[in-house]
């Protein structure tokens, strides 16, 4: 059973008097635990696809399934609840609250989950700050942290809800090379240790090389699909009208 499936997804926007189509009839399917890169140049539609998978945006046509349950057409409240329980987000610009400490930023999404007690929130904050190596910086605010440390806080925040999926939009774009590699290695370790699904929107070749599944998008269309088999890339044939199951292991 696929964790995420999109079927015939098209996304169009009105830009003045013109209609711009960001995605054209995308059909994809992949399983839990993948480390997947959606790659393409700026304006190719990769971030739009990421946002649709994360239920931040809705397709103009087509359907989206999470855990084999259709999510298209659900109310904003239902989608917010789904995101709160299943999906962590990591952004290029970190999106931390400047007035909150690292610990408070990590705790913030947990405040929307009334079933989690205060004691459990504190345990999760301590645990995931330790996972990203920032337990000694819990009381520091974002302006007291380096870019790499702020991205680690963002990763801890994404993990705190214990998500099935982590969506990362250009997570290394504002980091220097060494820090970016450290962050990527950290996320890969988390993927292996916890089986968390990571989906990246990126044009960073380092992310592409570390991924085990790769989607290339050009002009809103899938240009190619590939999966890594024994450290070698294997192209997945595009079949018109069929779900491209690039999450399946060989």
C-alpha atoms as a PDB file:
ATOM      1  CA  UNK A   1       0.000   0.000   0.000  1.00  0.00           C
ATOM      2  CA  UNK A   2       1.372   3.406  -0.968  1.00  0.00           C
ATOM      3  CA  UNK A   3       1.861   6.077   1.680  1.00  0.00           C
ATOM      4  CA  UNK A   4       1.299   8.888  -0.836  1.00  0.00           C
ATOM      5  CA  UNK A   5      -0.484   8.708  -4.179  1.00  0.00           C
ATOM      6  CA  UNK A   6      -1.413  11.507  -6.560  1.00  0.00           C
ATOM      7  CA  UNK A   7      -3.625  10.749  -9.529  1.00  0.00           C
ATOM      8  CA  UNK A   8      -4.018  12.997 -12.554  1.00  0.00           C
ATOM      9  CA  UNK A   9      -3.089  16.108 -10.590  1.00  0.00           C
ATOM     10  CA  UNK A  10      -3.132  19.411 -12.444  1.00  0.00           C
ATOM     11  CA  UNK A  11      -2.633  22.795 -10.786  1.00  0.00           C
ATOM     12  CA  UNK A  12      -3.471  26.085 -12.468  1.00  0.00           C
ATOM     13  CA  UNK A  13      -3.313  29.677 -11.213  1.00  0.00           C
ATOM     14  CA  UNK A  14      -4.757  32.927 -12.450  1.00  0.00           C
ATOM     15  CA  UNK A  15      -2.031  35.474 -13.120  1.00  0.00           C
ATOM     16  CA  UNK A  16      -3.742  38.666 -14.157  1.00  0.00           C
ATOM     17  CA  UNK A  17      -5.844  37.715 -17.153  1.00  0.00           C
ATOM     18  CA  UNK A  18      -3.764  34.628 -17.917  1.00  0.00           C
ATOM     19  CA  UNK A  19      -4.032  31.085 -16.605  1.00  0.00           C
ATOM     20  CA  UNK A  20      -0.694  29.519 -15.670  1.00  0.00           C
ATOM     21  CA  UNK A  21      -0.534  25.743 -15.290  1.00  0.00           C
ATOM     22  CA  UNK A  22       2.123  24.739 -12.744  1.00  0.00           C
ATOM     23  CA  UNK A  23       1.476  20.973 -12.930  1.00  0.00           C
ATOM     24  CA  UNK A  24       0.165  18.914 -15.832  1.00  0.00           C
ATOM     25  CA  UNK A  25      -1.622  15.603 -15.109  1.00  0.00           C
ATOM     26  CA  UNK A  26       0.862  14.241 -12.535  1.00  0.00           C
ATOM     27  CA  UNK A  27       0.364  10.632 -11.410  1.00  0.00           C
ATOM     28  CA  UNK A  28       2.783   9.239  -8.809  1.00  0.00           C
ATOM     29  CA  UNK A  29       2.846   6.680  -6.034  1.00  0.00           C
ATOM     30  CA  UNK A  30       5.506   5.802  -3.454  1.00  0.00           C
ATOM     31  CA  UNK A  31       5.870   3.863  -0.246  1.00  0.00           C
ATOM     32  CA  UNK A  32       6.745   4.728   3.318  1.00  0.00           C
ATOM     33  CA  UNK A  33      10.400   5.191   4.266  1.00  0.00           C
ATOM     34  CA  UNK A  34      11.689   6.664   0.989  1.00  0.00           C
ATOM     35  CA  UNK A  35      14.288   9.456   0.846  1.00  0.00           C
ATOM     36  CA  UNK A  36      12.913  11.167  -2.223  1.00  0.00           C
ATOM     37  CA  UNK A  37      14.108  14.222  -4.157  1.00  0.00           C
ATOM     38  CA  UNK A  38      11.819  16.195  -6.463  1.00  0.00           C
ATOM     39  CA  UNK A  39      14.298  18.073  -8.636  1.00  0.00           C
ATOM     40  CA  UNK A  40      13.961  20.739 -11.255  1.00  0.00           C
ATOM     41  CA  UNK A  41      14.795  24.345 -12.107  1.00  0.00           C
ATOM     42  CA  UNK A  42      13.008  27.306 -10.544  1.00  0.00           C
ATOM     43  CA  UNK A  43       9.438  27.493 -11.796  1.00  0.00           C
ATOM     44  CA  UNK A  44       9.311  23.838 -12.793  1.00  0.00           C
ATOM     45  CA  UNK A  45       6.479  23.006 -10.380  1.00  0.00           C
ATOM     46  CA  UNK A  46       8.439  21.037  -7.780  1.00  0.00           C
ATOM     47  CA  UNK A  47       7.420  23.196  -4.817  1.00  0.00           C
ATOM     48  CA  UNK A  48       3.800  23.174  -6.005  1.00  0.00           C
ATOM     49  CA  UNK A  49       3.870  19.368  -6.032  1.00  0.00           C
ATOM     50  CA  UNK A  50       5.437  19.326  -2.559  1.00  0.00           C
ATOM     51  CA  UNK A  51       2.714  21.645  -1.239  1.00  0.00           C
ATOM     52  CA  UNK A  52      -0.032  19.478  -2.728  1.00  0.00           C
ATOM     53  CA  UNK A  53       1.462  16.353  -1.134  1.00  0.00           C
ATOM     54  CA  UNK A  54       1.566  18.249   2.166  1.00  0.00           C
ATOM     55  CA  UNK A  55      -2.076  19.385   1.810  1.00  0.00           C
ATOM     56  CA  UNK A  56      -0.978  23.024   1.982  1.00  0.00           C
ATOM     57  CA  UNK A  57      -2.330  23.521  -1.531  1.00  0.00           C
ATOM     58  CA  UNK A  58      -5.095  21.717  -3.402  1.00  0.00           C
ATOM     59  CA  UNK A  59      -4.990  20.501  -7.003  1.00  0.00           C
ATOM     60  CA  UNK A  60      -7.209  22.118  -9.615  1.00  0.00           C
ATOM     61  CA  UNK A  61      -8.070  18.635 -10.864  1.00  0.00           C
ATOM     62  CA  UNK A  62      -7.046  15.157  -9.791  1.00  0.00           C
ATOM     63  CA  UNK A  63      -6.905  13.324  -6.470  1.00  0.00           C
ATOM     64  CA  UNK A  64      -4.442  12.980  -3.590  1.00  0.00           C
ATOM     65  CA  UNK A  65      -4.341   9.997  -1.237  1.00  0.00           C
ATOM     66  CA  UNK A  66      -2.481   9.699   2.067  1.00  0.00           C
ATOM     67  CA  UNK A  67      -2.374   6.177   3.477  1.00  0.00           C
ATOM     68  CA  UNK A  68      -4.901   5.138   0.813  1.00  0.00           C
ATOM     69  CA  UNK A  69      -7.448   7.691   2.058  1.00  0.00           C
ATOM     70  CA  UNK A  70      -8.432  10.480  -0.324  1.00  0.00           C
ATOM     71  CA  UNK A  71      -7.693  13.947   1.090  1.00  0.00           C
ATOM     72  CA  UNK A  72      -8.828  16.125  -1.817  1.00  0.00           C
ATOM     73  CA  UNK A  73     -12.035  17.938  -1.021  1.00  0.00           C
ATOM     74  CA  UNK A  74     -11.637  17.774   2.743  1.00  0.00           C
ATOM     75  CA  UNK A  75     -12.393  20.868   4.798  1.00  0.00           C
ATOM     76  CA  UNK A  76      -9.570  23.226   5.869  1.00  0.00           C
ATOM     77  CA  UNK A  77      -9.996  22.060   9.478  1.00  0.00           C
ATOM     78  CA  UNK A  78      -9.726  18.394   8.490  1.00  0.00           C
ATOM     79  CA  UNK A  79      -6.594  19.117   6.433  1.00  0.00           C
ATOM     80  CA  UNK A  80      -5.043  21.095   9.287  1.00  0.00           C
ATOM     81  CA  UNK A  81      -5.681  18.159  11.625  1.00  0.00           C
ATOM     82  CA  UNK A  82      -4.173  15.737   9.106  1.00  0.00           C
ATOM     83  CA  UNK A  83      -1.037  17.876   8.750  1.00  0.00           C
ATOM     84  CA  UNK A  84      -0.737  18.259  12.514  1.00  0.00           C
ATOM     85  CA  UNK A  85      -0.641  14.497  13.010  1.00  0.00           C
ATOM     86  CA  UNK A  86       1.152  13.172   9.932  1.00  0.00           C
ATOM     87  CA  UNK A  87       3.399  15.756   8.280  1.00  0.00           C
ATOM     88  CA  UNK A  88       6.421  17.729   9.422  1.00  0.00           C
ATOM     89  CA  UNK A  89       7.692  20.687   7.394  1.00  0.00           C
ATOM     90  CA  UNK A  90      11.227  22.051   6.944  1.00  0.00           C
ATOM     91  CA  UNK A  91      11.571  25.348   5.101  1.00  0.00           C
ATOM     92  CA  UNK A  92      14.427  27.068   3.299  1.00  0.00           C
ATOM     93  CA  UNK A  93      14.172  30.101   5.594  1.00  0.00           C
ATOM     94  CA  UNK A  94      13.733  28.014   8.800  1.00  0.00           C
ATOM     95  CA  UNK A  95      10.442  29.778   9.741  1.00  0.00           C
ATOM     96  CA  UNK A  96      11.262  29.847  13.452  1.00  0.00           C
ATOM     97  CA  UNK A  97       9.508  32.230  15.832  1.00  0.00           C
ATOM     98  CA  UNK A  98      12.181  34.808  16.767  1.00  0.00           C
ATOM     99  CA  UNK A  99      10.711  35.507  20.226  1.00  0.00           C
ATOM    100  CA  UNK A 100      10.688  31.828  21.218  1.00  0.00           C
ATOM    101  CA  UNK A 101      13.615  29.726  22.406  1.00  0.00           C
ATOM    102  CA  UNK A 102      14.753  26.646  20.512  1.00  0.00           C
ATOM    103  CA  UNK A 103      12.802  24.456  22.941  1.00  0.00           C
ATOM    104  CA  UNK A 104       9.673  26.577  22.596  1.00  0.00           C
ATOM    105  CA  UNK A 105       9.899  26.478  18.789  1.00  0.00           C
ATOM    106  CA  UNK A 106      10.093  22.683  18.885  1.00  0.00           C
ATOM    107  CA  UNK A 107       7.171  22.515  21.296  1.00  0.00           C
ATOM    108  CA  UNK A 108       4.953  24.863  19.296  1.00  0.00           C
ATOM    109  CA  UNK A 109       3.314  22.318  16.905  1.00  0.00           C
ATOM    110  CA  UNK A 110       2.604  20.031  19.863  1.00  0.00           C
ATOM    111  CA  UNK A 111       0.379  22.698  21.405  1.00  0.00           C
ATOM    112  CA  UNK A 112      -2.128  21.968  18.633  1.00  0.00           C
ATOM    113  CA  UNK A 113      -2.391  18.334  19.775  1.00  0.00           C
ATOM    114  CA  UNK A 114      -4.562  18.334  22.910  1.00  0.00           C
ATOM    115  CA  UNK A 115      -4.071  14.611  23.396  1.00  0.00           C
ATOM    116  CA  UNK A 116      -0.395  15.215  24.250  1.00  0.00           C
ATOM    117  CA  UNK A 117       0.177  16.144  27.893  1.00  0.00           C
ATOM    118  CA  UNK A 118       2.565  18.840  29.057  1.00  0.00           C
ATOM    119  CA  UNK A 119       4.890  16.171  30.427  1.00  0.00           C
ATOM    120  CA  UNK A 120       4.913  14.347  27.084  1.00  0.00           C
ATOM    121  CA  UNK A 121       5.582  17.624  25.243  1.00  0.00           C
ATOM    122  CA  UNK A 122       8.612  18.288  27.431  1.00  0.00           C
ATOM    123  CA  UNK A 123       9.903  14.755  26.854  1.00  0.00           C
ATOM    124  CA  UNK A 124       9.562  15.095  23.090  1.00  0.00           C
ATOM    125  CA  UNK A 125      11.248  18.498  23.031  1.00  0.00           C
ATOM    126  CA  UNK A 126      14.211  17.174  25.022  1.00  0.00           C
ATOM    127  CA  UNK A 127      14.401  14.009  22.927  1.00  0.00           C
ATOM    128  CA  UNK A 128      14.383  15.638  19.510  1.00  0.00           C
ATOM    129  CA  UNK A 129      16.696  18.481  20.465  1.00  0.00           C
ATOM    130  CA  UNK A 130      19.084  15.711  21.520  1.00  0.00           C
ATOM    131  CA  UNK A 131      18.532  13.897  18.200  1.00  0.00           C
ATOM    132  CA  UNK A 132      19.726  17.002  16.334  1.00  0.00           C
ATOM    133  CA  UNK A 133      22.536  17.688  18.819  1.00  0.00           C
ATOM    134  CA  UNK A 134      21.150  20.887  20.321  1.00  0.00           C
ATOM    135  CA  UNK A 135      20.185  19.860  23.835  1.00  0.00           C
ATOM    136  CA  UNK A 136      22.667  22.403  25.238  1.00  0.00           C
ATOM    137  CA  UNK A 137      21.096  25.216  23.227  1.00  0.00           C
ATOM    138  CA  UNK A 138      17.469  24.702  24.273  1.00  0.00           C
ATOM    139  CA  UNK A 139      17.189  28.148  25.888  1.00  0.00           C
ATOM    140  CA  UNK A 140      18.685  30.113  23.005  1.00  0.00           C
ATOM    141  CA  UNK A 141      16.591  32.155  20.630  1.00  0.00           C
ATOM    142  CA  UNK A 142      17.077  31.917  16.848  1.00  0.00           C
ATOM    143  CA  UNK A 143      19.233  35.065  16.661  1.00  0.00           C
ATOM    144  CA  UNK A 144      21.668  33.380  19.055  1.00  0.00           C
ATOM    145  CA  UNK A 145      22.082  30.371  16.768  1.00  0.00           C
ATOM    146  CA  UNK A 146      23.960  29.790  13.522  1.00  0.00           C
ATOM    147  CA  UNK A 147      22.127  28.993  10.298  1.00  0.00           C
ATOM    148  CA  UNK A 148      22.910  25.320  10.666  1.00  0.00           C
ATOM    149  CA  UNK A 149      21.702  25.294  14.255  1.00  0.00           C
ATOM    150  CA  UNK A 150      18.472  27.023  13.266  1.00  0.00           C
ATOM    151  CA  UNK A 151      17.869  24.394  10.596  1.00  0.00           C
ATOM    152  CA  UNK A 152      18.476  21.699  13.207  1.00  0.00           C
ATOM    153  CA  UNK A 153      15.819  23.327  15.398  1.00  0.00           C
ATOM    154  CA  UNK A 154      13.484  23.258  12.388  1.00  0.00           C
ATOM    155  CA  UNK A 155      14.210  19.542  11.911  1.00  0.00           C
ATOM    156  CA  UNK A 156      13.541  18.844  15.608  1.00  0.00           C
ATOM    157  CA  UNK A 157      10.266  20.781  15.329  1.00  0.00           C
ATOM    158  CA  UNK A 158       9.249  18.738  12.284  1.00  0.00           C
ATOM    159  CA  UNK A 159      10.032  15.474  14.097  1.00  0.00           C
ATOM    160  CA  UNK A 160       8.327  16.393  17.374  1.00  0.00           C
ATOM    161  CA  UNK A 161       4.874  15.357  16.139  1.00  0.00           C
ATOM    162  CA  UNK A 162       6.382  11.964  15.149  1.00  0.00           C
ATOM    163  CA  UNK A 163       5.320  12.430  11.515  1.00  0.00           C
ATOM    164  CA  UNK A 164       4.916   9.793   8.856  1.00  0.00           C
ATOM    165  CA  UNK A 165       6.232  12.287   6.283  1.00  0.00           C
ATOM    166  CA  UNK A 166       8.728  15.159   6.443  1.00  0.00           C
ATOM    167  CA  UNK A 167       8.530  17.643   3.561  1.00  0.00           C
ATOM    168  CA  UNK A 168      11.632  19.786   3.031  1.00  0.00           C
ATOM    169  CA  UNK A 169      11.602  22.721   0.602  1.00  0.00           C
ATOM    170  CA  UNK A 170      15.170  23.610  -0.441  1.00  0.00           C
ATOM    171  CA  UNK A 171      16.460  22.887   3.099  1.00  0.00           C
ATOM    172  CA  UNK A 172      20.127  23.527   2.253  1.00  0.00           C
ATOM    173  CA  UNK A 173      19.711  26.641   0.099  1.00  0.00           C
ATOM    174  CA  UNK A 174      20.706  29.120   2.832  1.00  0.00           C
ATOM    175  CA  UNK A 175      23.500  27.019   4.318  1.00  0.00           C
ATOM    176  CA  UNK A 176      27.202  26.856   3.485  1.00  0.00           C
ATOM    177  CA  UNK A 177      28.489  23.675   1.890  1.00  0.00           C
ATOM    178  CA  UNK A 178      29.822  21.989   5.036  1.00  0.00           C
ATOM    179  CA  UNK A 179      26.761  22.837   7.121  1.00  0.00           C
ATOM    180  CA  UNK A 180      24.454  21.706   4.316  1.00  0.00           C
ATOM    181  CA  UNK A 181      26.207  18.345   4.163  1.00  0.00           C
ATOM    182  CA  UNK A 182      25.927  17.958   7.939  1.00  0.00           C
ATOM    183  CA  UNK A 183      22.187  18.663   7.775  1.00  0.00           C
ATOM    184  CA  UNK A 184      21.711  16.188   4.919  1.00  0.00           C
ATOM    185  CA  UNK A 185      23.627  13.478   6.767  1.00  0.00           C
ATOM    186  CA  UNK A 186      21.497  14.125   9.836  1.00  0.00           C
ATOM    187  CA  UNK A 187      18.266  13.760   7.867  1.00  0.00           C
ATOM    188  CA  UNK A 188      19.528  10.607   6.178  1.00  0.00           C
ATOM    189  CA  UNK A 189      20.382   9.125   9.588  1.00  0.00           C
ATOM    190  CA  UNK A 190      16.882   9.958  10.838  1.00  0.00           C
ATOM    191  CA  UNK A 191      15.386   8.344   7.736  1.00  0.00           C
ATOM    192  CA  UNK A 192      17.347   5.148   8.351  1.00  0.00           C
ATOM    193  CA  UNK A 193      16.857   5.036  12.129  1.00  0.00           C
ATOM    194  CA  UNK A 194      13.165   5.929  12.348  1.00  0.00           C
ATOM    195  CA  UNK A 195      11.910   4.996   8.884  1.00  0.00           C
ATOM    196  CA  UNK A 196      10.563   8.517   8.423  1.00  0.00           C
ATOM    197  CA  UNK A 197       9.676   9.383   4.830  1.00  0.00           C
ATOM    198  CA  UNK A 198      11.564  12.448   3.558  1.00  0.00           C
ATOM    199  CA  UNK A 199      10.454  14.289   0.427  1.00  0.00           C
ATOM    200  CA  UNK A 200      12.614  17.161  -0.813  1.00  0.00           C
ATOM    201  CA  UNK A 201      11.983  19.930  -3.297  1.00  0.00           C
ATOM    202  CA  UNK A 202      15.457  20.843  -4.514  1.00  0.00           C
ATOM    203  CA  UNK A 203      17.958  21.673  -7.205  1.00  0.00           C
ATOM    204  CA  UNK A 204      20.875  20.748  -4.882  1.00  0.00           C
ATOM    205  CA  UNK A 205      22.907  17.931  -6.436  1.00  0.00           C
ATOM    206  CA  UNK A 206      24.006  16.766  -2.975  1.00  0.00           C
ATOM    207  CA  UNK A 207      20.406  15.974  -2.047  1.00  0.00           C
ATOM    208  CA  UNK A 208      19.876  14.225  -5.365  1.00  0.00           C
ATOM    209  CA  UNK A 209      22.958  12.065  -4.844  1.00  0.00           C
ATOM    210  CA  UNK A 210      21.837  11.053  -1.331  1.00  0.00           C
ATOM    211  CA  UNK A 211      18.250  10.297  -2.363  1.00  0.00           C
ATOM    212  CA  UNK A 212      17.085   6.772  -3.066  1.00  0.00           C
ATOM    213  CA  UNK A 213      14.277   7.977  -5.345  1.00  0.00           C
ATOM    214  CA  UNK A 214      14.462  10.876  -7.805  1.00  0.00           C
ATOM    215  CA  UNK A 215      11.722  12.699  -9.707  1.00  0.00           C
ATOM    216  CA  UNK A 216      12.767  15.301 -12.271  1.00  0.00           C
ATOM    217  CA  UNK A 217      10.163  17.879 -13.213  1.00  0.00           C
ATOM    218  CA  UNK A 218      10.309  20.255 -16.154  1.00  0.00           C
ATOM    219  CA  UNK A 219       7.585  22.754 -17.047  1.00  0.00           C
ATOM    220  CA  UNK A 220       5.142  21.076 -14.679  1.00  0.00           C
ATOM    221  CA  UNK A 221       5.585  17.620 -16.187  1.00  0.00           C
ATOM    222  CA  UNK A 222       7.510  14.563 -15.048  1.00  0.00           C
ATOM    223  CA  UNK A 223      10.641  14.407 -17.158  1.00  0.00           C
ATOM    224  CA  UNK A 224      12.168  11.300 -15.584  1.00  0.00           C
ATOM    225  CA  UNK A 225      11.943   8.913 -12.651  1.00  0.00           C
ATOM    226  CA  UNK A 226      14.750   6.902 -11.108  1.00  0.00           C
ATOM    227  CA  UNK A 227      15.370   4.658  -8.128  1.00  0.00           C
ATOM    228  CA  UNK A 228      18.667   3.650  -6.553  1.00  0.00           C
ATOM    229  CA  UNK A 229      19.457  -0.058  -6.661  1.00  0.00           C
ATOM    230  CA  UNK A 230      22.729  -1.206  -5.067  1.00  0.00           C
ATOM    231  CA  UNK A 231      24.039   2.391  -5.199  1.00  0.00           C
ATOM    232  CA  UNK A 232      23.305   2.621  -8.925  1.00  0.00           C
ATOM    233  CA  UNK A 233      20.501   4.636 -10.498  1.00  0.00           C
ATOM    234  CA  UNK A 234      17.860   2.710 -12.427  1.00  0.00           C
ATOM    235  CA  UNK A 235      15.432   4.591 -14.644  1.00  0.00           C
ATOM    236  CA  UNK A 236      11.737   3.896 -14.182  1.00  0.00           C
ATOM    237  CA  UNK A 237       9.841   3.792 -17.451  1.00  0.00           C
ATOM    238  CA  UNK A 238       7.108   6.377 -17.820  1.00  0.00           C
ATOM    239  CA  UNK A 239       3.808   4.756 -18.730  1.00  0.00           C
ATOM    240  CA  UNK A 240       1.016   7.004 -19.909  1.00  0.00           C
ATOM    241  CA  UNK A 241      -1.921   6.999 -17.505  1.00  0.00           C
ATOM    242  CA  UNK A 242      -0.299   4.587 -15.028  1.00  0.00           C
ATOM    243  CA  UNK A 243       0.787   5.373 -11.477  1.00  0.00           C
ATOM    244  CA  UNK A 244       4.556   5.687 -11.308  1.00  0.00           C
ATOM    245  CA  UNK A 245       5.363   3.598  -8.226  1.00  0.00           C
ATOM    246  CA  UNK A 246       8.873   4.834  -7.584  1.00  0.00           C
ATOM    247  CA  UNK A 247       8.572   4.084  -3.898  1.00  0.00           C
ATOM    248  CA  UNK A 248       8.622   0.358  -4.467  1.00  0.00           C
ATOM    249  CA  UNK A 249      11.820  -1.403  -3.517  1.00  0.00           C
ATOM    250  CA  UNK A 250      13.370  -3.725  -6.041  1.00  0.00           C
END
